[in-house]
Amino acid sequence: MSKAITLWIPDFLNKQRIIESEQAWLDLSLPALRTLLKKADLFPVHSKNNQPVDDFYATASNLFHQNQTLPVAATMAKHFLEAFDDGLFWMKIDPVQMVPDRDTLVLIPGADLQISEQEALALIDAFNQHFQQDKVVIEYGSPTDWFLNIKQVVDIKTTSLNEASYQQLHEKYPTGHAAQYWRQLLNEASMLFYTHPVNEKRREAGLPEINGVWLWGEGRLKDVNLYPRATANIASENSYLAGMAKLTRAQSSAFPESLQACLDSDQTHHLLMPEFINLSLDKLTQEAWIESVNWLESDWMAPILTALKQKKIHSLLLELGDGHRYHIEPKHLNRFWRFKNRI
């Protein structure tokens, strides 16, 4: 059975990264990758307003053929929570560190704070007791993934954790008619956490504080027209993608060790996104990044090119972070006049 393959590695071949790598990039031999990109149909990655799209969640939904971006909190809650209710309005309220910076604060995401499950549960318990009268209850998904649900839709617009991380927050707080209440809640949570024994112990141990929460990802799935993908598979450890697979009745798996696992499967379409690269990309040295490019060439691009030639893949979509989307079918390999490298 011939397959459709989508391989997505956000920001991986960022043009600035290529420029800064200088000779190390020029020394790379990437015959399969360059052949695929030369032969492919090329599409700039733009939104409906003709603006570049770099939002992870919008891109994920688009690549998996959804008509609109699936709300982040609800989609991730579907993955993490057994008692998930798709009729509720969901928000993420994730643990963070707020660091003073002149007249504002800078947000450090929970992923960089080494939060244990025990610490997370203790802080959540304190929060839930404090806000019991307001009936605001945090549900635990993981040490860094916390959730709120509300019966009615809330008029609020937030900034994603990705956009707020390591940024000054003075223009990134929630807006909308309900914003005042939620901003007050964020402030109260910060004061509550600052004096909590969890943070007292962390300060004694020289660890960064968990002195705040960040509200984001709002939305209700009832307002979304889901496009079912029962014959597809999402191969990634990313929790948003795993939740999207559940919502669309697709299969979900870890990122495979080889292309052959996809070719041998029963699913006709595979969306592949290596979360281990996505999480570490900003921290990779130039040498480690070059090694990752060589891994992409040897473990994925070369086998994919062979599978296209053998017509085991009938459609390939590549989005690797250079601002373009590449589509190639077996017949496109005959484009002998395409000889100029695109990267």
C-alpha atoms as a PDB file:
ATOM      1  CA  MET A   1       0.000   0.000   0.000  1.00  0.00           C
ATOM      2  CA  SER A   2       1.524   3.302  -1.074  1.00  0.00           C
ATOM      3  CA  LYS A   3       1.784   5.967   1.640  1.00  0.00           C
ATOM      4  CA  ALA A   4       1.464   9.708   2.032  1.00  0.00           C
ATOM      5  CA  ILE A   5       4.200  11.046   4.297  1.00  0.00           C
ATOM      6  CA  THR A   6       4.405  14.447   5.980  1.00  0.00           C
ATOM      7  CA  LEU A   7       7.704  15.171   7.719  1.00  0.00           C
ATOM      8  CA  TRP A   8       7.728  18.308   9.838  1.00  0.00           C
ATOM      9  CA  ILE A   9      10.652  19.648  11.879  1.00  0.00           C
ATOM     10  CA  PRO A  10       9.805  23.199  13.000  1.00  0.00           C
ATOM     11  CA  ASP A  11      12.554  25.797  12.458  1.00  0.00           C
ATOM     12  CA  PHE A  12      15.127  23.076  11.721  1.00  0.00           C
ATOM     13  CA  LEU A  13      16.577  24.580   8.542  1.00  0.00           C
ATOM     14  CA  ASN A  14      16.140  28.165   9.646  1.00  0.00           C
ATOM     15  CA  LYS A  15      17.947  30.355   7.117  1.00  0.00           C
ATOM     16  CA  GLN A  16      19.726  32.345   9.819  1.00  0.00           C
ATOM     17  CA  ARG A  17      21.077  29.125  11.322  1.00  0.00           C
ATOM     18  CA  ILE A  18      22.393  28.085   7.897  1.00  0.00           C
ATOM     19  CA  ILE A  19      24.058  31.471   7.380  1.00  0.00           C
ATOM     20  CA  GLU A  20      25.715  31.392  10.794  1.00  0.00           C
ATOM     21  CA  SER A  21      27.047  27.863  10.242  1.00  0.00           C
ATOM     22  CA  GLU A  22      29.114  29.156   7.286  1.00  0.00           C
ATOM     23  CA  GLN A  23      31.654  26.574   6.073  1.00  0.00           C
ATOM     24  CA  ALA A  24      30.202  23.763   8.178  1.00  0.00           C
ATOM     25  CA  TRP A  25      27.016  23.942   6.090  1.00  0.00           C
ATOM     26  CA  LEU A  26      28.888  24.237   2.808  1.00  0.00           C
ATOM     27  CA  ASP A  27      30.870  21.106   3.649  1.00  0.00           C
ATOM     28  CA  LEU A  28      27.727  19.011   4.087  1.00  0.00           C
ATOM     29  CA  SER A  29      26.878  16.425   1.445  1.00  0.00           C
ATOM     30  CA  LEU A  30      23.092  16.173   1.264  1.00  0.00           C
ATOM     31  CA  PRO A  31      22.313  14.504  -2.063  1.00  0.00           C
ATOM     32  CA  ALA A  32      18.917  13.048  -1.100  1.00  0.00           C
ATOM     33  CA  LEU A  33      17.615  16.153   0.673  1.00  0.00           C
ATOM     34  CA  ARG A  34      18.759  18.470  -2.101  1.00  0.00           C
ATOM     35  CA  THR A  35      17.329  16.200  -4.795  1.00  0.00           C
ATOM     36  CA  LEU A  36      13.942  16.112  -3.074  1.00  0.00           C
ATOM     37  CA  LEU A  37      13.809  19.874  -2.608  1.00  0.00           C
ATOM     38  CA  LYS A  38      14.918  20.559  -6.202  1.00  0.00           C
ATOM     39  CA  LYS A  39      12.264  18.316  -7.699  1.00  0.00           C
ATOM     40  CA  ALA A  40       9.410  19.351  -5.395  1.00  0.00           C
ATOM     41  CA  ASP A  41       6.627  21.853  -5.900  1.00  0.00           C
ATOM     42  CA  LEU A  42       7.490  24.805  -3.680  1.00  0.00           C
ATOM     43  CA  PHE A  43       4.960  26.734  -1.586  1.00  0.00           C
ATOM     44  CA  PRO A  44       5.760  29.648   0.729  1.00  0.00           C
ATOM     45  CA  VAL A  45       4.307  29.149   4.176  1.00  0.00           C
ATOM     46  CA  HIS A  46       1.775  31.958   4.551  1.00  0.00           C
ATOM     47  CA  SER A  47      -1.404  32.520   6.471  1.00  0.00           C
ATOM     48  CA  LYS A  48      -4.713  33.658   4.981  1.00  0.00           C
ATOM     49  CA  ASN A  49      -3.523  37.250   5.432  1.00  0.00           C
ATOM     50  CA  ASN A  50      -0.346  36.469   3.501  1.00  0.00           C
ATOM     51  CA  GLN A  51       1.743  36.726   6.659  1.00  0.00           C
ATOM     52  CA  PRO A  52       4.413  34.140   7.542  1.00  0.00           C
ATOM     53  CA  VAL A  53       3.136  31.397   9.829  1.00  0.00           C
ATOM     54  CA  ASP A  54       5.450  30.243  12.610  1.00  0.00           C
ATOM     55  CA  ASP A  55       2.815  29.261  15.164  1.00  0.00           C
ATOM     56  CA  PHE A  56       3.349  25.621  16.097  1.00  0.00           C
ATOM     57  CA  TYR A  57      -0.308  24.849  16.766  1.00  0.00           C
ATOM     58  CA  ALA A  58      -1.656  26.502  13.611  1.00  0.00           C
ATOM     59  CA  THR A  59       0.909  24.645  11.517  1.00  0.00           C
ATOM     60  CA  ALA A  60       0.169  21.313  13.205  1.00  0.00           C
ATOM     61  CA  SER A  61      -3.568  21.640  12.577  1.00  0.00           C
ATOM     62  CA  ASN A  62      -3.008  22.704   8.980  1.00  0.00           C
ATOM     63  CA  LEU A  63      -0.605  19.858   8.211  1.00  0.00           C
ATOM     64  CA  PHE A  64      -3.144  17.382   9.592  1.00  0.00           C
ATOM     65  CA  HIS A  65      -5.879  18.793   7.322  1.00  0.00           C
ATOM     66  CA  GLN A  66      -7.941  20.483  10.032  1.00  0.00           C
ATOM     67  CA  ASN A  67     -10.128  23.394   8.953  1.00  0.00           C
ATOM     68  CA  GLN A  68      -8.959  25.615  11.813  1.00  0.00           C
ATOM     69  CA  THR A  69      -6.417  25.588  14.605  1.00  0.00           C
ATOM     70  CA  LEU A  70      -7.546  23.219  17.343  1.00  0.00           C
ATOM     71  CA  PRO A  71      -7.624  25.000  20.738  1.00  0.00           C
ATOM     72  CA  VAL A  72      -4.411  24.208  22.568  1.00  0.00           C
ATOM     73  CA  ALA A  73      -5.608  23.577  26.103  1.00  0.00           C
ATOM     74  CA  ALA A  74      -8.551  21.399  25.082  1.00  0.00           C
ATOM     75  CA  THR A  75      -6.448  19.395  22.630  1.00  0.00           C
ATOM     76  CA  MET A  76      -3.703  18.757  25.170  1.00  0.00           C
ATOM     77  CA  ALA A  77      -6.246  18.001  27.915  1.00  0.00           C
ATOM     78  CA  LYS A  78      -7.665  15.304  25.646  1.00  0.00           C
ATOM     79  CA  HIS A  79      -4.232  13.661  25.745  1.00  0.00           C
ATOM     80  CA  PHE A  80      -3.513  14.057  29.459  1.00  0.00           C
ATOM     81  CA  LEU A  81      -6.878  13.768  31.243  1.00  0.00           C
ATOM     82  CA  GLU A  82      -9.059  10.675  31.423  1.00  0.00           C
ATOM     83  CA  ALA A  83     -12.139  12.642  32.530  1.00  0.00           C
ATOM     84  CA  PHE A  84     -11.996  15.066  29.621  1.00  0.00           C
ATOM     85  CA  ASP A  85     -15.208  16.897  28.655  1.00  0.00           C
ATOM     86  CA  ASP A  86     -15.194  18.430  25.172  1.00  0.00           C
ATOM     87  CA  GLY A  87     -18.169  20.639  26.013  1.00  0.00           C
ATOM     88  CA  LEU A  88     -16.211  22.746  28.503  1.00  0.00           C
ATOM     89  CA  PHE A  89     -14.069  25.825  27.927  1.00  0.00           C
ATOM     90  CA  TRP A  90     -10.458  24.872  28.617  1.00  0.00           C
ATOM     91  CA  MET A  91      -7.360  26.879  29.488  1.00  0.00           C
ATOM     92  CA  LYS A  92      -3.806  25.942  30.373  1.00  0.00           C
ATOM     93  CA  ILE A  93      -2.428  27.428  33.578  1.00  0.00           C
ATOM     94  CA  ASP A  94       1.180  26.267  33.586  1.00  0.00           C
ATOM     95  CA  PRO A  95       3.824  26.704  36.311  1.00  0.00           C
ATOM     96  CA  VAL A  96       6.530  29.260  35.502  1.00  0.00           C
ATOM     97  CA  GLN A  97       9.171  31.447  37.072  1.00  0.00           C
ATOM     98  CA  MET A  98       8.705  35.219  36.944  1.00  0.00           C
ATOM     99  CA  VAL A  99      12.035  37.068  37.035  1.00  0.00           C
ATOM    100  CA  PRO A 100      12.043  40.843  37.734  1.00  0.00           C
ATOM    101  CA  ASP A 101      13.499  42.902  34.889  1.00  0.00           C
ATOM    102  CA  ARG A 102      13.422  46.690  35.454  1.00  0.00           C
ATOM    103  CA  ASP A 103       9.733  47.648  35.519  1.00  0.00           C
ATOM    104  CA  THR A 104       8.369  44.327  34.247  1.00  0.00           C
ATOM    105  CA  LEU A 105       8.861  40.559  34.511  1.00  0.00           C
ATOM    106  CA  VAL A 106      10.468  37.939  32.294  1.00  0.00           C
ATOM    107  CA  LEU A 107       8.858  34.489  32.085  1.00  0.00           C
ATOM    108  CA  ILE A 108      10.902  31.278  32.401  1.00  0.00           C
ATOM    109  CA  PRO A 109       8.820  28.254  31.287  1.00  0.00           C
ATOM    110  CA  GLY A 110       8.279  25.281  33.553  1.00  0.00           C
ATOM    111  CA  ALA A 111      10.152  22.984  31.166  1.00  0.00           C
ATOM    112  CA  ASP A 112      13.373  24.703  32.286  1.00  0.00           C
ATOM    113  CA  LEU A 113      12.653  24.566  36.034  1.00  0.00           C
ATOM    114  CA  GLN A 114      13.084  20.830  36.755  1.00  0.00           C
ATOM    115  CA  ILE A 115       9.689  20.553  38.436  1.00  0.00           C
ATOM    116  CA  SER A 116       8.943  17.223  40.104  1.00  0.00           C
ATOM    117  CA  GLU A 117       5.510  15.637  40.205  1.00  0.00           C
ATOM    118  CA  GLN A 118       5.475  15.985  44.013  1.00  0.00           C
ATOM    119  CA  GLU A 119       6.199  19.723  43.789  1.00  0.00           C
ATOM    120  CA  ALA A 120       3.565  20.247  41.119  1.00  0.00           C
ATOM    121  CA  LEU A 121       0.867  18.420  43.070  1.00  0.00           C
ATOM    122  CA  ALA A 122       1.686  20.348  46.256  1.00  0.00           C
ATOM    123  CA  LEU A 123       1.399  23.709  44.509  1.00  0.00           C
ATOM    124  CA  ILE A 124      -1.816  22.671  42.750  1.00  0.00           C
ATOM    125  CA  ASP A 125      -3.337  21.598  46.083  1.00  0.00           C
ATOM    126  CA  ALA A 126      -2.469  24.978  47.614  1.00  0.00           C
ATOM    127  CA  PHE A 127      -3.934  26.809  44.610  1.00  0.00           C
ATOM    128  CA  ASN A 128      -7.164  24.791  44.649  1.00  0.00           C
ATOM    129  CA  GLN A 129      -7.685  25.394  48.359  1.00  0.00           C
ATOM    130  CA  HIS A 130      -7.029  29.121  47.981  1.00  0.00           C
ATOM    131  CA  PHE A 131      -9.460  29.545  45.071  1.00  0.00           C
ATOM    132  CA  GLN A 132     -12.072  27.103  46.371  1.00  0.00           C
ATOM    133  CA  GLN A 133     -14.744  29.769  46.772  1.00  0.00           C
ATOM    134  CA  ASP A 134     -14.223  30.888  43.165  1.00  0.00           C
ATOM    135  CA  LYS A 135     -14.595  27.254  42.040  1.00  0.00           C
ATOM    136  CA  VAL A 136     -11.390  27.562  40.033  1.00  0.00           C
ATOM    137  CA  VAL A 137      -9.730  24.147  40.082  1.00  0.00           C
ATOM    138  CA  ILE A 138      -6.460  23.135  38.463  1.00  0.00           C
ATOM    139  CA  GLU A 139      -6.284  19.624  37.006  1.00  0.00           C
ATOM    140  CA  TYR A 140      -2.884  17.964  36.811  1.00  0.00           C
ATOM    141  CA  GLY A 141      -1.644  16.628  33.466  1.00  0.00           C
ATOM    142  CA  SER A 142       2.109  16.525  34.037  1.00  0.00           C
ATOM    143  CA  PRO A 143       4.575  18.517  36.181  1.00  0.00           C
ATOM    144  CA  THR A 144       4.489  21.280  33.554  1.00  0.00           C
ATOM    145  CA  ASP A 145       0.991  20.812  32.076  1.00  0.00           C
ATOM    146  CA  TRP A 146      -1.858  22.104  34.244  1.00  0.00           C
ATOM    147  CA  PHE A 147      -5.434  22.723  33.145  1.00  0.00           C
ATOM    148  CA  LEU A 148      -8.558  24.692  34.065  1.00  0.00           C
ATOM    149  CA  ASN A 149     -12.063  24.112  32.728  1.00  0.00           C
ATOM    150  CA  ILE A 150     -15.111  26.362  32.888  1.00  0.00           C
ATOM    151  CA  LYS A 151     -18.678  25.634  31.835  1.00  0.00           C
ATOM    152  CA  GLN A 152     -19.223  28.877  29.957  1.00  0.00           C
ATOM    153  CA  VAL A 153     -17.069  30.469  27.252  1.00  0.00           C
ATOM    154  CA  VAL A 154     -14.802  33.190  28.685  1.00  0.00           C
ATOM    155  CA  ASP A 155     -14.085  36.422  26.804  1.00  0.00           C
ATOM    156  CA  ILE A 156     -10.317  36.316  27.042  1.00  0.00           C
ATOM    157  CA  LYS A 157      -7.384  36.454  24.665  1.00  0.00           C
ATOM    158  CA  THR A 158      -4.019  35.210  25.871  1.00  0.00           C
ATOM    159  CA  THR A 159      -0.438  34.913  24.693  1.00  0.00           C
ATOM    160  CA  SER A 160       0.888  31.387  24.174  1.00  0.00           C
ATOM    161  CA  LEU A 161       3.594  30.069  26.468  1.00  0.00           C
ATOM    162  CA  ASN A 162       5.928  29.779  23.473  1.00  0.00           C
ATOM    163  CA  GLU A 163       5.519  33.474  22.652  1.00  0.00           C
ATOM    164  CA  ALA A 164       5.838  34.595  26.287  1.00  0.00           C
ATOM    165  CA  SER A 165       8.868  32.489  27.243  1.00  0.00           C
ATOM    166  CA  TYR A 166      11.999  34.538  27.960  1.00  0.00           C
ATOM    167  CA  GLN A 167      10.110  37.704  27.021  1.00  0.00           C
ATOM    168  CA  GLN A 168       9.134  40.794  28.977  1.00  0.00           C
ATOM    169  CA  LEU A 169       5.504  40.417  29.970  1.00  0.00           C
ATOM    170  CA  HIS A 170       4.179  43.977  30.158  1.00  0.00           C
ATOM    171  CA  GLU A 171       2.312  43.613  26.821  1.00  0.00           C
ATOM    172  CA  LYS A 172       1.574  39.892  26.990  1.00  0.00           C
ATOM    173  CA  TYR A 173      -0.957  39.593  29.796  1.00  0.00           C
ATOM    174  CA  PRO A 174      -4.543  38.456  29.032  1.00  0.00           C
ATOM    175  CA  THR A 175      -6.938  40.876  27.380  1.00  0.00           C
ATOM    176  CA  GLY A 176     -10.721  40.851  26.910  1.00  0.00           C
ATOM    177  CA  HIS A 177     -13.722  41.520  29.152  1.00  0.00           C
ATOM    178  CA  ALA A 178     -12.688  38.791  31.613  1.00  0.00           C
ATOM    179  CA  ALA A 179      -9.025  39.812  31.673  1.00  0.00           C
ATOM    180  CA  GLN A 180      -9.112  41.784  34.923  1.00  0.00           C
ATOM    181  CA  TYR A 181     -10.281  38.804  36.971  1.00  0.00           C
ATOM    182  CA  TRP A 182      -7.698  36.468  35.476  1.00  0.00           C
ATOM    183  CA  ARG A 183      -4.837  38.931  35.851  1.00  0.00           C
ATOM    184  CA  GLN A 184      -5.752  39.284  39.517  1.00  0.00           C
ATOM    185  CA  LEU A 185      -5.766  35.491  39.799  1.00  0.00           C
ATOM    186  CA  LEU A 186      -2.265  35.313  38.306  1.00  0.00           C
ATOM    187  CA  ASN A 187      -1.032  37.871  40.841  1.00  0.00           C
ATOM    188  CA  GLU A 188      -2.629  36.046  43.769  1.00  0.00           C
ATOM    189  CA  ALA A 189      -1.149  32.736  42.614  1.00  0.00           C
ATOM    190  CA  SER A 190       2.317  34.318  42.499  1.00  0.00           C
ATOM    191  CA  MET A 191       2.003  35.546  46.086  1.00  0.00           C
ATOM    192  CA  LEU A 192       0.652  32.173  47.193  1.00  0.00           C
ATOM    193  CA  PHE A 193       3.487  30.225  45.559  1.00  0.00           C
ATOM    194  CA  TYR A 194       6.244  32.567  46.769  1.00  0.00           C
ATOM    195  CA  THR A 195       5.726  31.605  50.425  1.00  0.00           C
ATOM    196  CA  HIS A 196       4.938  27.946  49.751  1.00  0.00           C
ATOM    197  CA  PRO A 197       7.275  25.333  51.309  1.00  0.00           C
ATOM    198  CA  VAL A 198       8.042  24.008  47.824  1.00  0.00           C
ATOM    199  CA  ASN A 199       9.747  27.274  46.950  1.00  0.00           C
ATOM    200  CA  GLU A 200      11.383  27.637  50.337  1.00  0.00           C
ATOM    201  CA  LYS A 201      13.080  24.272  49.751  1.00  0.00           C
ATOM    202  CA  ARG A 202      14.006  25.205  46.191  1.00  0.00           C
ATOM    203  CA  ARG A 203      15.618  28.455  47.330  1.00  0.00           C
ATOM    204  CA  GLU A 204      17.624  26.562  49.954  1.00  0.00           C
ATOM    205  CA  ALA A 205      18.760  24.091  47.269  1.00  0.00           C
ATOM    206  CA  GLY A 206      19.719  26.865  44.839  1.00  0.00           C
ATOM    207  CA  LEU A 207      16.974  25.898  42.380  1.00  0.00           C
ATOM    208  CA  PRO A 208      14.863  28.428  40.445  1.00  0.00           C
ATOM    209  CA  GLU A 209      11.546  29.279  42.042  1.00  0.00           C
ATOM    210  CA  ILE A 210       8.157  28.203  40.715  1.00  0.00           C
ATOM    211  CA  ASN A 211       6.650  31.536  41.631  1.00  0.00           C
ATOM    212  CA  GLY A 212       3.828  31.949  39.141  1.00  0.00           C
ATOM    213  CA  VAL A 213       1.462  30.481  36.579  1.00  0.00           C
ATOM    214  CA  TRP A 214       0.780  31.465  32.983  1.00  0.00           C
ATOM    215  CA  LEU A 215      -2.711  31.351  31.500  1.00  0.00           C
ATOM    216  CA  TRP A 216      -3.021  30.472  27.792  1.00  0.00           C
ATOM    217  CA  GLY A 217      -4.407  28.138  25.119  1.00  0.00           C
ATOM    218  CA  GLU A 218      -8.093  28.998  25.688  1.00  0.00           C
ATOM    219  CA  GLY A 219     -10.873  27.418  23.688  1.00  0.00           C
ATOM    220  CA  ARG A 220     -13.775  24.966  23.487  1.00  0.00           C
ATOM    221  CA  LEU A 221     -13.842  22.014  21.125  1.00  0.00           C
ATOM    222  CA  LYS A 222     -17.599  22.325  20.577  1.00  0.00           C
ATOM    223  CA  ASP A 223     -16.797  25.405  18.506  1.00  0.00           C
ATOM    224  CA  VAL A 224     -14.437  23.471  16.210  1.00  0.00           C
ATOM    225  CA  ASN A 225     -15.303  21.481  13.097  1.00  0.00           C
ATOM    226  CA  LEU A 226     -13.029  18.452  13.464  1.00  0.00           C
ATOM    227  CA  TYR A 227     -12.004  16.615  10.318  1.00  0.00           C
ATOM    228  CA  PRO A 228     -11.751  12.867  11.078  1.00  0.00           C
ATOM    229  CA  ARG A 229      -8.547  11.051  10.052  1.00  0.00           C
ATOM    230  CA  ALA A 230      -9.214   7.404  10.888  1.00  0.00           C
ATOM    231  CA  THR A 231      -6.706   6.093   8.325  1.00  0.00           C
ATOM    232  CA  ALA A 232      -3.881   8.395   9.442  1.00  0.00           C
ATOM    233  CA  ASN A 233      -1.162   8.192  12.088  1.00  0.00           C
ATOM    234  CA  ILE A 234       0.677  10.905  14.003  1.00  0.00           C
ATOM    235  CA  ALA A 235       4.163   9.800  15.018  1.00  0.00           C
ATOM    236  CA  SER A 236       5.481  12.141  17.680  1.00  0.00           C
ATOM    237  CA  GLU A 237       5.882  12.431  21.445  1.00  0.00           C
ATOM    238  CA  ASN A 238       4.386  15.928  21.357  1.00  0.00           C
ATOM    239  CA  SER A 239       1.304  16.130  23.602  1.00  0.00           C
ATOM    240  CA  TYR A 240      -0.634  18.528  21.356  1.00  0.00           C
ATOM    241  CA  LEU A 241      -0.173  16.203  18.384  1.00  0.00           C
ATOM    242  CA  ALA A 242      -1.145  13.191  20.505  1.00  0.00           C
ATOM    243  CA  GLY A 243      -4.316  14.993  21.581  1.00  0.00           C
ATOM    244  CA  MET A 244      -5.087  15.922  17.979  1.00  0.00           C
ATOM    245  CA  ALA A 245      -4.775  12.265  17.004  1.00  0.00           C
ATOM    246  CA  LYS A 246      -7.322  11.257  19.655  1.00  0.00           C
ATOM    247  CA  LEU A 247      -9.741  14.015  18.645  1.00  0.00           C
ATOM    248  CA  THR A 248      -9.618  13.085  14.953  1.00  0.00           C
ATOM    249  CA  ARG A 249      -9.754   9.320  15.605  1.00  0.00           C
ATOM    250  CA  ALA A 250      -6.286   8.887  14.102  1.00  0.00           C
ATOM    251  CA  GLN A 251      -3.636   6.516  15.390  1.00  0.00           C
ATOM    252  CA  SER A 252      -0.826   7.867  17.538  1.00  0.00           C
ATOM    253  CA  SER A 253       2.678   6.521  18.058  1.00  0.00           C
ATOM    254  CA  ALA A 254       6.177   7.518  19.039  1.00  0.00           C
ATOM    255  CA  PHE A 255       8.458   8.876  16.346  1.00  0.00           C
ATOM    256  CA  PRO A 256       9.663   5.745  14.481  1.00  0.00           C
ATOM    257  CA  GLU A 257      13.260   4.598  14.259  1.00  0.00           C
ATOM    258  CA  SER A 258      12.985   4.235  10.501  1.00  0.00           C
ATOM    259  CA  LEU A 259      10.791   4.949   7.496  1.00  0.00           C
ATOM    260  CA  GLN A 260      10.166   1.235   7.119  1.00  0.00           C
ATOM    261  CA  ALA A 261       7.878   1.274  10.163  1.00  0.00           C
ATOM    262  CA  CYS A 262       5.592   3.672   8.280  1.00  0.00           C
ATOM    263  CA  LEU A 263       5.730   1.663   5.065  1.00  0.00           C
ATOM    264  CA  ASP A 264       4.797  -1.528   6.941  1.00  0.00           C
ATOM    265  CA  SER A 265       1.848   0.029   8.789  1.00  0.00           C
ATOM    266  CA  ASP A 266      -1.860  -0.112   8.000  1.00  0.00           C
ATOM    267  CA  GLN A 267      -2.284   3.672   8.002  1.00  0.00           C
ATOM    268  CA  THR A 268      -2.235   5.476   4.666  1.00  0.00           C
ATOM    269  CA  HIS A 269      -0.986   8.872   5.890  1.00  0.00           C
ATOM    270  CA  HIS A 270       1.769   9.571   8.439  1.00  0.00           C
ATOM    271  CA  LEU A 271       2.516  12.919  10.044  1.00  0.00           C
ATOM    272  CA  LEU A 272       6.020  12.672  11.503  1.00  0.00           C
ATOM    273  CA  MET A 273       7.425  15.246  13.937  1.00  0.00           C
ATOM    274  CA  PRO A 274      10.516  14.361  16.024  1.00  0.00           C
ATOM    275  CA  GLU A 275       9.793  15.986  19.389  1.00  0.00           C
ATOM    276  CA  PHE A 276      13.312  15.266  20.649  1.00  0.00           C
ATOM    277  CA  ILE A 277      14.658  17.710  18.061  1.00  0.00           C
ATOM    278  CA  ASN A 278      11.833  20.199  18.518  1.00  0.00           C
ATOM    279  CA  LEU A 279      12.535  20.439  22.271  1.00  0.00           C
ATOM    280  CA  SER A 280      16.313  20.674  22.005  1.00  0.00           C
ATOM    281  CA  LEU A 281      16.762  22.779  18.869  1.00  0.00           C
ATOM    282  CA  ASP A 282      17.306  26.123  20.621  1.00  0.00           C
ATOM    283  CA  LYS A 283      19.970  24.566  22.819  1.00  0.00           C
ATOM    284  CA  LEU A 284      21.916  22.702  20.117  1.00  0.00           C
ATOM    285  CA  THR A 285      25.473  23.740  19.426  1.00  0.00           C
ATOM    286  CA  GLN A 286      26.420  24.237  15.807  1.00  0.00           C
ATOM    287  CA  GLU A 287      28.220  20.895  15.846  1.00  0.00           C
ATOM    288  CA  ALA A 288      25.169  19.087  17.277  1.00  0.00           C
ATOM    289  CA  TRP A 289      22.897  20.738  14.729  1.00  0.00           C
ATOM    290  CA  ILE A 290      25.164  19.634  11.854  1.00  0.00           C
ATOM    291  CA  GLU A 291      25.028  16.093  13.257  1.00  0.00           C
ATOM    292  CA  SER A 292      21.219  16.310  13.262  1.00  0.00           C
ATOM    293  CA  VAL A 293      21.216  17.423   9.618  1.00  0.00           C
ATOM    294  CA  ASN A 294      23.385  14.417   8.744  1.00  0.00           C
ATOM    295  CA  TRP A 295      20.949  12.199  10.667  1.00  0.00           C
ATOM    296  CA  LEU A 296      18.053  13.635   8.647  1.00  0.00           C
ATOM    297  CA  GLU A 297      19.898  12.910   5.403  1.00  0.00           C
ATOM    298  CA  SER A 298      21.016   9.364   6.167  1.00  0.00           C
ATOM    299  CA  ASP A 299      18.070   8.058   8.208  1.00  0.00           C
ATOM    300  CA  TRP A 300      15.176   9.807   6.460  1.00  0.00           C
ATOM    301  CA  MET A 301      15.886  11.661   3.235  1.00  0.00           C
ATOM    302  CA  ALA A 302      17.817   8.841   1.558  1.00  0.00           C
ATOM    303  CA  PRO A 303      15.194   6.156   2.422  1.00  0.00           C
ATOM    304  CA  ILE A 304      12.361   8.511   1.441  1.00  0.00           C
ATOM    305  CA  LEU A 305      13.969   9.186  -1.944  1.00  0.00           C
ATOM    306  CA  THR A 306      14.318   5.439  -2.538  1.00  0.00           C
ATOM    307  CA  ALA A 307      10.700   4.820  -1.513  1.00  0.00           C
ATOM    308  CA  LEU A 308       9.506   7.537  -3.898  1.00  0.00           C
ATOM    309  CA  LYS A 309      11.447   5.963  -6.761  1.00  0.00           C
ATOM    310  CA  GLN A 310       9.847   2.606  -5.918  1.00  0.00           C
ATOM    311  CA  LYS A 311       6.411   4.297  -5.608  1.00  0.00           C
ATOM    312  CA  LYS A 312       6.023   3.082  -2.048  1.00  0.00           C
ATOM    313  CA  ILE A 313       5.331   6.738  -1.251  1.00  0.00           C
ATOM    314  CA  HIS A 314       2.859   8.487  -3.551  1.00  0.00           C
ATOM    315  CA  SER A 315       2.935  11.866  -1.817  1.00  0.00           C
ATOM    316  CA  LEU A 316       5.602  13.546   0.313  1.00  0.00           C
ATOM    317  CA  LEU A 317       5.225  16.854   2.143  1.00  0.00           C
ATOM    318  CA  LEU A 318       8.278  18.397   3.812  1.00  0.00           C
ATOM    319  CA  GLU A 319       8.224  21.378   6.138  1.00  0.00           C
ATOM    320  CA  LEU A 320      11.642  21.904   7.678  1.00  0.00           C
ATOM    321  CA  GLY A 321      11.575  25.481   8.888  1.00  0.00           C
ATOM    322  CA  ASP A 322      13.088  27.379   5.953  1.00  0.00           C
ATOM    323  CA  GLY A 323       9.857  29.265   5.228  1.00  0.00           C
ATOM    324  CA  HIS A 324       8.641  26.887   2.526  1.00  0.00           C
ATOM    325  CA  ARG A 325       6.586  23.733   2.162  1.00  0.00           C
ATOM    326  CA  TYR A 326       7.730  21.138  -0.382  1.00  0.00           C
ATOM    327  CA  HIS A 327       5.430  18.637  -2.088  1.00  0.00           C
ATOM    328  CA  ILE A 328       6.756  15.845  -4.248  1.00  0.00           C
ATOM    329  CA  GLU A 329       5.293  12.814  -6.015  1.00  0.00           C
ATOM    330  CA  PRO A 330       7.195  10.013  -7.798  1.00  0.00           C
ATOM    331  CA  LYS A 331       6.615  11.591 -11.227  1.00  0.00           C
ATOM    332  CA  HIS A 332       8.333  14.789 -10.066  1.00  0.00           C
ATOM    333  CA  LEU A 333      11.662  12.949  -9.887  1.00  0.00           C
ATOM    334  CA  ASN A 334      11.742  13.099 -13.690  1.00  0.00           C
ATOM    335  CA  ARG A 335      12.134  16.874 -13.674  1.00  0.00           C
ATOM    336  CA  PHE A 336      15.634  16.738 -15.161  1.00  0.00           C
ATOM    337  CA  TRP A 337      15.658  20.495 -15.744  1.00  0.00           C
ATOM    338  CA  ARG A 338      15.584  21.157 -11.988  1.00  0.00           C
ATOM    339  CA  PHE A 339      19.273  21.340 -11.133  1.00  0.00           C
ATOM    340  CA  LYS A 340      19.674  24.382  -8.844  1.00  0.00           C
ATOM    341  CA  ASN A 341      19.857  23.641  -5.104  1.00  0.00           C
ATOM    342  CA  ARG A 342      17.206  25.309  -2.977  1.00  0.00           C
ATOM    343  CA  ILE A 343      19.202  25.165   0.228  1.00  0.00           C
END
